[in-house]
Protein backbone atom coordinates (compact mmCIF):
# COMPACT_ATOMS: atom_id res chain seq x y z
CA PHE A 1 87.56 84.57 156.56
CA ASP A 2 87.67 80.86 157.39
CA LEU A 3 90.63 78.59 156.83
CA PRO A 4 90.42 74.93 155.80
CA ARG A 5 90.31 72.26 158.49
CA ILE A 6 93.16 69.73 158.46
CA VAL A 7 92.05 66.22 159.51
CA PRO A 8 93.57 62.73 159.50
CA PHE A 9 92.93 60.69 156.34
CA LEU A 10 92.60 57.02 157.28
CA GLY A 11 92.50 55.54 153.78
CA ALA A 12 89.98 53.08 152.37
CA ILE A 13 87.34 51.89 154.83
CA THR A 14 87.77 48.32 153.56
CA ASN A 15 91.30 48.32 155.03
CA LEU A 16 90.22 49.55 158.47
CA THR A 17 89.08 47.79 161.60
CA PRO A 18 87.04 49.51 164.30
CA GLU A 19 90.13 49.50 166.52
CA ARG A 20 92.31 51.17 163.85
CA PHE A 21 89.57 53.72 163.12
CA CYS A 22 89.41 54.70 166.79
CA ALA A 23 93.18 54.51 167.42
CA VAL A 24 94.21 57.42 165.19
CA PRO A 25 94.46 60.40 167.55
CA ALA A 26 92.55 63.59 166.88
CA LEU A 27 94.60 66.54 165.74
CA SER A 28 94.84 69.30 168.28
CA GLY A 29 94.24 72.82 167.10
CA SER A 30 94.45 76.31 168.42
CA ASN A 31 93.33 79.74 167.32
CA GLN A 32 95.89 82.49 166.92
CA GLY A 33 93.69 85.50 166.22
CA ILE A 34 92.14 84.85 162.82
CA TRP A 35 94.61 82.01 162.17
CA GLN A 36 94.09 78.39 163.13
CA SER A 37 96.89 75.92 163.55
CA TRP A 38 96.74 72.13 163.65
CA ASN A 39 99.36 69.81 165.09
CA ILE A 40 99.82 67.16 162.39
CA ASP A 41 102.50 65.21 164.29
CA GLN A 42 99.66 63.34 165.97
CA ALA A 43 98.25 62.07 162.64
CA LYS A 44 101.02 59.46 162.17
CA GLY A 45 99.99 59.21 158.54
CA GLN A 46 98.18 61.24 155.95
CA VAL A 47 96.11 64.38 156.43
CA ILE A 48 93.58 66.08 154.20
CA ALA A 49 92.14 69.61 154.09
CA LEU A 50 88.37 70.07 154.33
CA PRO A 51 86.47 73.26 153.47
CA SER A 52 86.10 75.52 156.48
CA GLU A 53 82.31 75.31 156.61
CA GLU A 54 82.47 71.62 157.53
CA SER A 55 83.97 71.84 161.01
CA ASN A 56 86.44 74.29 162.39
CA ASP A 57 85.70 73.61 166.04
CA PRO A 58 88.98 72.21 167.43
CA SER A 59 86.96 70.11 169.90
CA ASP A 60 85.43 68.09 167.04
CA ASP A 61 87.28 64.84 166.33
CA VAL A 62 86.93 64.67 162.54
CA VAL A 63 88.60 62.10 160.27
CA CYS A 64 88.15 61.19 156.59
CA VAL A 65 87.83 57.79 154.94
CA LEU A 66 87.51 56.68 151.33
CA VAL A 67 84.40 54.60 150.62
CA SER A 68 82.59 53.12 147.64
CA ASN A 69 78.92 53.47 146.83
CA GLN A 70 78.54 49.85 147.97
CA ASP A 71 79.93 50.76 151.40
CA LEU A 72 77.17 53.37 151.64
CA ASN A 73 74.48 51.08 150.15
CA VAL A 74 73.89 53.59 147.36
CA PRO A 75 73.26 52.01 143.94
CA PHE A 76 75.12 53.42 140.91
CA GLU A 77 75.43 52.08 137.39
CA ASN A 78 79.23 52.13 137.78
CA ASP A 79 81.06 51.93 141.10
CA GLN A 80 81.92 55.34 142.54
CA GLU A 81 84.31 56.49 145.24
CA PHE A 82 83.45 59.02 147.92
CA LEU A 83 85.46 60.87 150.52
CA VAL A 84 83.48 60.84 153.77
CA SER A 85 84.17 62.97 156.82
CA VAL A 86 83.16 61.48 160.17
CA ASN A 87 82.94 63.31 163.50
CA ARG A 88 84.15 60.78 166.08
CA SER A 89 83.08 63.02 168.97
CA LEU A 90 79.37 62.43 168.17
CA THR A 91 78.86 58.88 169.43
CA SER A 92 76.59 59.07 172.47
CA ALA A 93 72.84 58.46 172.55
CA GLU A 94 72.35 62.18 173.35
CA ASP A 95 74.05 63.07 170.04
CA PHE A 96 71.89 60.66 168.00
CA VAL A 97 69.74 62.21 165.25
CA PRO A 98 67.16 59.85 163.70
CA GLY A 99 67.75 59.41 159.97
CA ALA A 100 71.30 60.79 160.03
CA PHE A 101 74.09 58.52 158.82
CA TYR A 102 76.55 57.16 161.36
CA LEU A 103 79.51 54.80 161.22
CA TRP A 104 78.86 51.63 163.24
CA ASP A 105 80.99 48.79 164.54
CA VAL A 106 78.89 45.81 163.49
CA GLN A 107 80.55 42.66 164.82
CA GLY A 108 84.03 43.94 163.99
CA GLU A 109 83.16 45.50 160.61
CA LEU A 110 82.73 49.18 159.78
CA LYS A 111 79.29 49.92 158.33
CA PHE A 112 77.55 53.20 157.48
CA GLY A 113 73.83 53.37 158.12
CA HIS A 114 70.92 55.21 159.63
CA TYR A 115 68.33 54.06 162.13
CA PRO A 116 65.11 55.58 163.46
CA LEU A 117 66.35 54.94 167.02
CA ALA A 118 69.87 54.52 168.39
CA PRO A 119 70.53 50.76 168.23
CA LYS A 120 71.82 49.02 171.34
CA SER A 121 73.38 46.01 169.59
CA VAL A 122 76.10 47.94 167.70
CA ARG A 123 78.68 50.54 168.74
CA CYS A 124 78.54 54.03 167.22
CA LEU A 125 81.95 55.28 166.01
CA GLY A 126 80.87 58.70 164.73
CA LYS A 127 78.43 60.76 162.71
CA MET A 128 78.89 61.24 158.97
CA ILE A 129 79.31 64.96 158.33
CA THR A 130 79.90 65.24 154.60
CA THR A 131 80.23 63.05 151.54
CA TYR A 132 82.36 64.29 148.67
CA PHE A 133 81.56 62.80 145.26
CA PHE A 134 84.28 62.56 142.63
CA THR A 135 83.49 62.90 138.95
CA ARG A 136 85.85 62.02 136.17
CA THR A 137 85.41 62.86 132.53
CA ARG A 138 86.54 60.17 130.17
CA GLN A 139 86.08 62.22 127.03
CA LYS A 140 89.09 62.10 124.73
CA PRO A 141 90.22 65.37 123.19
CA SER A 142 88.91 65.77 119.64
CA GLY A 143 91.79 67.90 118.41
CA PHE A 144 89.48 70.83 117.65
CA ALA A 145 89.81 73.92 119.83
CA GLU A 146 86.04 74.47 119.69
CA PHE A 147 85.54 71.31 121.74
CA SER A 148 88.27 72.04 124.27
CA ASP A 149 87.39 73.29 127.75
CA GLU A 150 90.59 75.37 127.82
CA PHE A 151 89.79 77.29 124.64
CA GLU A 152 87.91 80.59 124.87
CA PHE A 153 86.42 82.40 121.86
């Protein structure tokens, strides 16, 4: 039985600087038997709950940011938003996995990307753990129960 992980939510990546991204303190956690607790006083802002399978190791420094498909260099017909979780404790060359996505400080701008080798010219700010994709239906109700998702025959 795993409980959700509470992590700081930093908002839209377009409103963040590398300094602001790094300045938000990690939440401290502790295990109380099967229960886990997180000190949210340190967040100094918003928090969000992630599914337990993502990261329940209190030593991981996980935060979430809101990004667009353009921020991830992923083409879509219409712009899409994603919630991305980043582990800020995975920044060293020993942690680098070729082909995995990381968040980089590229001359003062936050950029997601992957490289075959750890680059020396940019600073790694963390490894992307998960990307959550939001879907929205824009279908208007028809007025007929047969076409309603709430109606059961």
